[in-house]
Amino acid sequence: MSKYRKCALCDFKVTLHRHHIVPLSEGGANCEENAILLCPNHHALATADDKETIQKIRRIKTGKKIGTKKILAMQKVNQIMIEGTSKN
C-alpha cells in the first residue's frame, strides 16, 4: 500500500477504500499485491468494472497492461514463495 495514503488515481486523501484488483470471490488474494487504495469515486468505478479505471489500476500495480489470469498467476507464485520461506 502507498505510504502516502492517497487515491492511486487522483491523489484524493480524505476517505480511502482498499480495492481488491482481482475480487476475493474470483480467487484474488487478500494481499498487498492485489490491493490498491482508491477514493470512493474511483472505487465505485472499479467495482462497477469500468474498463478504463481497471486498466489504469493494473498499469499502476504492474507497470503494464495485463489481464486477470496473469495477476492470479503472479499471486500464486508469490504465495508459493511465501509458503516455501515459512517452512525453512
Protein backbone atom coordinates (compact mmCIF):
# COMPACT_ATOMS: atom_id res chain seq x y z
CA MET A 1 0.00 0.00 0.00
CA SER A 2 1.07 3.53 -0.61
CA LYS A 3 2.81 5.06 2.37
CA TYR A 4 1.27 8.41 1.40
CA ARG A 5 -2.35 7.20 1.91
CA LYS A 6 -3.96 8.77 -1.13
CA CYS A 7 -6.02 7.54 -4.07
CA ALA A 8 -3.74 5.91 -6.61
CA LEU A 9 -5.65 7.55 -9.47
CA CYS A 10 -6.40 11.11 -8.33
CA ASP A 11 -4.43 11.84 -5.12
CA PHE A 12 -7.63 12.33 -3.04
CA LYS A 13 -6.71 11.88 0.65
CA VAL A 14 -9.77 12.35 2.84
CA THR A 15 -11.58 9.00 2.57
CA LEU A 16 -9.97 5.91 1.05
CA HIS A 17 -11.15 2.41 0.24
CA ARG A 18 -8.99 -0.68 -0.19
CA HIS A 19 -9.91 -2.20 -3.54
CA HIS A 20 -9.07 -5.80 -4.44
CA ILE A 21 -7.88 -5.81 -8.06
CA VAL A 22 -8.97 -9.42 -8.52
CA PRO A 23 -12.02 -9.85 -6.27
CA LEU A 24 -11.74 -12.36 -3.46
CA SER A 25 -14.84 -14.08 -4.87
CA GLU A 26 -12.90 -14.70 -8.10
CA GLY A 27 -9.86 -16.20 -6.40
CA GLY A 28 -7.96 -13.00 -5.73
CA ALA A 29 -5.67 -12.93 -2.71
CA ASN A 30 -6.13 -10.66 0.29
CA CYS A 31 -2.60 -9.26 -0.02
CA GLU A 32 -0.83 -6.03 -0.88
CA GLU A 33 -0.10 -7.16 -4.46
CA ASN A 34 -3.85 -7.49 -5.07
CA ALA A 35 -4.93 -4.28 -3.34
CA ILE A 36 -4.86 -0.59 -4.11
CA LEU A 37 -6.11 2.49 -2.26
CA LEU A 38 -8.86 4.37 -4.10
CA CYS A 39 -11.13 7.31 -3.35
CA PRO A 40 -14.85 6.49 -3.15
CA ASN A 41 -15.47 7.62 -6.75
CA HIS A 42 -12.69 5.51 -8.28
CA HIS A 43 -13.59 2.57 -6.04
CA ALA A 44 -17.19 2.72 -7.31
CA LEU A 45 -15.93 2.79 -10.92
CA ALA A 46 -13.58 -0.13 -10.32
CA THR A 47 -16.28 -2.16 -8.56
CA ALA A 48 -18.63 -1.49 -11.50
CA ASP A 49 -15.92 -2.88 -13.84
CA ASP A 50 -15.29 0.41 -15.63
CA LYS A 51 -12.74 -0.78 -18.19
CA GLU A 52 -10.70 2.44 -18.26
CA THR A 53 -10.40 2.53 -14.46
CA ILE A 54 -9.49 -1.18 -14.28
CA GLN A 55 -6.73 -0.77 -16.88
CA LYS A 56 -5.30 2.28 -15.05
CA ILE A 57 -5.19 0.28 -11.82
CA ARG A 58 -3.47 -2.67 -13.49
CA ARG A 59 -0.88 -0.39 -15.08
CA ILE A 60 -0.14 1.23 -11.72
CA LYS A 61 0.27 -2.11 -9.95
CA THR A 62 2.26 -3.90 -12.65
CA GLY A 63 3.76 -1.21 -14.84
CA LYS A 64 1.97 -2.65 -17.88
CA LYS A 65 -1.42 -3.66 -19.20
CA ILE A 66 -2.20 -7.23 -18.07
CA GLY A 67 -5.25 -9.41 -17.58
CA THR A 68 -6.82 -11.11 -14.60
CA LYS A 69 -5.28 -14.52 -15.38
CA LYS A 70 -1.78 -13.06 -15.28
CA ILE A 71 -2.46 -11.32 -11.94
CA LEU A 72 -3.80 -14.58 -10.46
CA ALA A 73 -0.72 -16.45 -11.71
CA MET A 74 1.58 -13.84 -10.14
CA GLN A 75 -0.30 -14.15 -6.82
CA LYS A 76 0.03 -17.94 -6.89
CA VAL A 77 3.79 -17.72 -7.44
CA ASN A 78 4.09 -15.20 -4.59
CA GLN A 79 2.08 -17.46 -2.27
CA ILE A 80 4.25 -20.48 -3.11
CA MET A 81 7.38 -18.43 -2.40
CA ILE A 82 5.95 -17.23 0.94
CA GLU A 83 4.97 -20.77 1.95
CA GLY A 84 8.42 -22.05 0.97
CA THR A 85 10.24 -19.47 3.11
CA SER A 86 7.98 -20.03 6.10
CA LYS A 87 8.87 -23.74 6.13
CA ASN A 88 12.59 -23.01 6.48
